[in-house]
Amino acid sequence: MNKITILLIISAAMGQYDYSLEDLNPSSEYYGNNVGATFFSGKITMHYFGHFT
């Protein structure tokens, strides 16, 4: 049980990192801009990193 607690704490800490990626969605108003978690500060966001071929 102790290992699970440590794993959850580490996961929560690592999941809060800041990043910035280029918006590749041509229908987005931010297309071509670098956006990330801090770009939408104070707003609820959902992050999906998918890949389609």
N, C-alpha and C. Protein backbone atom coordinates (compact mmCIF):
# COMPACT_ATOMS: atom_id res chain seq x y z
N MET A 1 0.83 -1.20 0.00
CA MET A 1 0.00 0.00 0.00
C MET A 1 0.87 1.26 0.00
N ASN A 2 2.00 1.22 0.67
CA ASN A 2 2.90 2.36 0.75
C ASN A 2 3.46 2.71 -0.63
N LYS A 3 3.77 1.71 -1.45
CA LYS A 3 4.29 1.95 -2.79
C LYS A 3 3.25 2.63 -3.68
N ILE A 4 2.00 2.27 -3.51
CA ILE A 4 0.92 2.89 -4.30
C ILE A 4 0.78 4.37 -3.93
N THR A 5 0.88 4.67 -2.65
CA THR A 5 0.80 6.06 -2.20
C THR A 5 1.94 6.89 -2.78
N ILE A 6 3.14 6.37 -2.74
CA ILE A 6 4.29 7.08 -3.29
C ILE A 6 4.13 7.27 -4.80
N LEU A 7 3.65 6.26 -5.50
CA LEU A 7 3.43 6.35 -6.94
C LEU A 7 2.39 7.42 -7.28
N LEU A 8 1.32 7.50 -6.51
CA LEU A 8 0.30 8.52 -6.74
C LEU A 8 0.83 9.93 -6.50
N ILE A 9 1.64 10.11 -5.48
CA ILE A 9 2.21 11.42 -5.20
C ILE A 9 3.16 11.84 -6.31
N ILE A 10 3.99 10.94 -6.77
CA ILE A 10 4.93 11.25 -7.86
C ILE A 10 4.16 11.55 -9.14
N SER A 11 3.12 10.79 -9.43
CA SER A 11 2.32 11.01 -10.64
C SER A 11 1.65 12.38 -10.61
N ALA A 12 1.12 12.76 -9.47
CA ALA A 12 0.48 14.07 -9.34
C ALA A 12 1.49 15.19 -9.52
N ALA A 13 2.67 15.02 -8.98
CA ALA A 13 3.71 16.06 -9.09
C ALA A 13 4.20 16.19 -10.53
N MET A 14 4.39 15.09 -11.21
CA MET A 14 4.90 15.12 -12.58
C MET A 14 3.83 15.55 -13.58
N GLY A 15 2.58 15.40 -13.25
CA GLY A 15 1.49 15.75 -14.16
C GLY A 15 1.21 17.24 -14.20
N GLN A 16 1.89 18.03 -13.41
CA GLN A 16 1.63 19.46 -13.32
C GLN A 16 2.68 20.30 -14.04
N TYR A 17 3.50 19.69 -14.88
CA TYR A 17 4.56 20.45 -15.54
C TYR A 17 3.98 21.39 -16.59
N ASP A 18 4.71 22.45 -16.88
CA ASP A 18 4.30 23.42 -17.89
C ASP A 18 4.91 23.03 -19.23
N TYR A 19 4.19 23.21 -20.27
CA TYR A 19 4.67 22.89 -21.61
C TYR A 19 4.12 23.90 -22.59
N SER A 20 4.67 23.89 -23.79
CA SER A 20 4.19 24.75 -24.85
C SER A 20 4.37 24.02 -26.17
N LEU A 21 3.28 23.84 -26.90
CA LEU A 21 3.31 23.14 -28.18
C LEU A 21 2.61 23.97 -29.24
N GLU A 22 3.01 23.78 -30.50
CA GLU A 22 2.38 24.51 -31.60
C GLU A 22 1.00 23.95 -31.87
N ASP A 23 0.02 24.84 -32.00
CA ASP A 23 -1.35 24.45 -32.35
C ASP A 23 -1.38 24.13 -33.83
N LEU A 24 -1.63 22.87 -34.17
CA LEU A 24 -1.62 22.42 -35.56
C LEU A 24 -3.02 22.27 -36.15
N ASN A 25 -4.04 22.69 -35.42
CA ASN A 25 -5.42 22.58 -35.87
C ASN A 25 -5.76 23.79 -36.74
N PRO A 26 -5.94 23.60 -38.05
CA PRO A 26 -6.19 24.74 -38.94
C PRO A 26 -7.51 25.46 -38.66
N SER A 27 -8.44 24.85 -37.96
CA SER A 27 -9.71 25.51 -37.66
C SER A 27 -9.67 26.24 -36.31
N SER A 28 -8.53 26.21 -35.63
CA SER A 28 -8.39 26.87 -34.33
C SER A 28 -8.01 28.33 -34.51
N GLU A 29 -8.51 29.18 -33.61
CA GLU A 29 -8.14 30.60 -33.68
C GLU A 29 -6.70 30.82 -33.25
N TYR A 30 -6.07 29.83 -32.62
CA TYR A 30 -4.68 29.93 -32.18
C TYR A 30 -3.74 29.16 -33.10
N TYR A 31 -4.19 28.78 -34.28
CA TYR A 31 -3.41 27.98 -35.22
C TYR A 31 -2.04 28.62 -35.47
N GLY A 32 -0.99 27.81 -35.35
CA GLY A 32 0.37 28.28 -35.58
C GLY A 32 1.03 28.88 -34.36
N ASN A 33 0.27 29.16 -33.31
CA ASN A 33 0.83 29.73 -32.07
C ASN A 33 1.25 28.61 -31.14
N ASN A 34 2.22 28.90 -30.29
CA ASN A 34 2.59 27.97 -29.23
C ASN A 34 1.64 28.19 -28.06
N VAL A 35 0.96 27.13 -27.66
CA VAL A 35 0.01 27.20 -26.56
C VAL A 35 0.34 26.11 -25.55
N GLY A 36 -0.08 26.31 -24.33
CA GLY A 36 0.14 25.35 -23.27
C GLY A 36 -0.75 25.66 -22.10
N ALA A 37 -0.47 25.04 -20.98
CA ALA A 37 -1.31 25.20 -19.79
C ALA A 37 -1.35 26.65 -19.31
N THR A 38 -0.24 27.36 -19.32
CA THR A 38 -0.21 28.73 -18.83
C THR A 38 -0.82 29.72 -19.83
N PHE A 39 -0.94 29.33 -21.11
CA PHE A 39 -1.53 30.20 -22.12
C PHE A 39 -3.00 30.46 -21.80
N PHE A 40 -3.69 29.47 -21.24
CA PHE A 40 -5.10 29.58 -20.90
C PHE A 40 -5.28 29.67 -19.39
N SER A 41 -4.44 30.43 -18.74
CA SER A 41 -4.48 30.56 -17.29
C SER A 41 -5.84 31.08 -16.82
N GLY A 42 -6.38 30.43 -15.80
CA GLY A 42 -7.66 30.83 -15.24
C GLY A 42 -8.86 30.25 -15.97
N LYS A 43 -8.63 29.39 -16.95
CA LYS A 43 -9.72 28.75 -17.69
C LYS A 43 -9.63 27.24 -17.55
N ILE A 44 -10.74 26.58 -17.69
CA ILE A 44 -10.75 25.12 -17.66
C ILE A 44 -10.32 24.61 -19.02
N THR A 45 -9.35 23.72 -19.03
CA THR A 45 -8.85 23.19 -20.30
C THR A 45 -8.85 21.66 -20.28
N MET A 46 -8.90 21.09 -21.46
CA MET A 46 -8.77 19.65 -21.63
C MET A 46 -7.65 19.42 -22.62
N HIS A 47 -6.74 18.52 -22.31
CA HIS A 47 -5.58 18.29 -23.15
C HIS A 47 -5.67 16.90 -23.77
N TYR A 48 -5.59 16.86 -25.08
CA TYR A 48 -5.63 15.58 -25.80
C TYR A 48 -4.46 15.56 -26.77
N PHE A 49 -3.63 14.56 -26.63
CA PHE A 49 -2.48 14.41 -27.52
C PHE A 49 -2.72 13.18 -28.38
N GLY A 50 -3.41 13.37 -29.47
CA GLY A 50 -3.72 12.27 -30.37
C GLY A 50 -2.91 12.36 -31.65
N HIS A 51 -2.92 11.31 -32.39
CA HIS A 51 -2.21 11.29 -33.66
C HIS A 51 -3.04 10.52 -34.67
N PHE A 52 -3.29 11.14 -35.78
CA PHE A 52 -4.04 10.50 -36.85
C PHE A 52 -3.19 10.42 -38.10
N THR A 53 -3.35 9.37 -38.84
CA THR A 53 -2.62 9.24 -40.11
C THR A 53 -3.58 9.12 -41.26
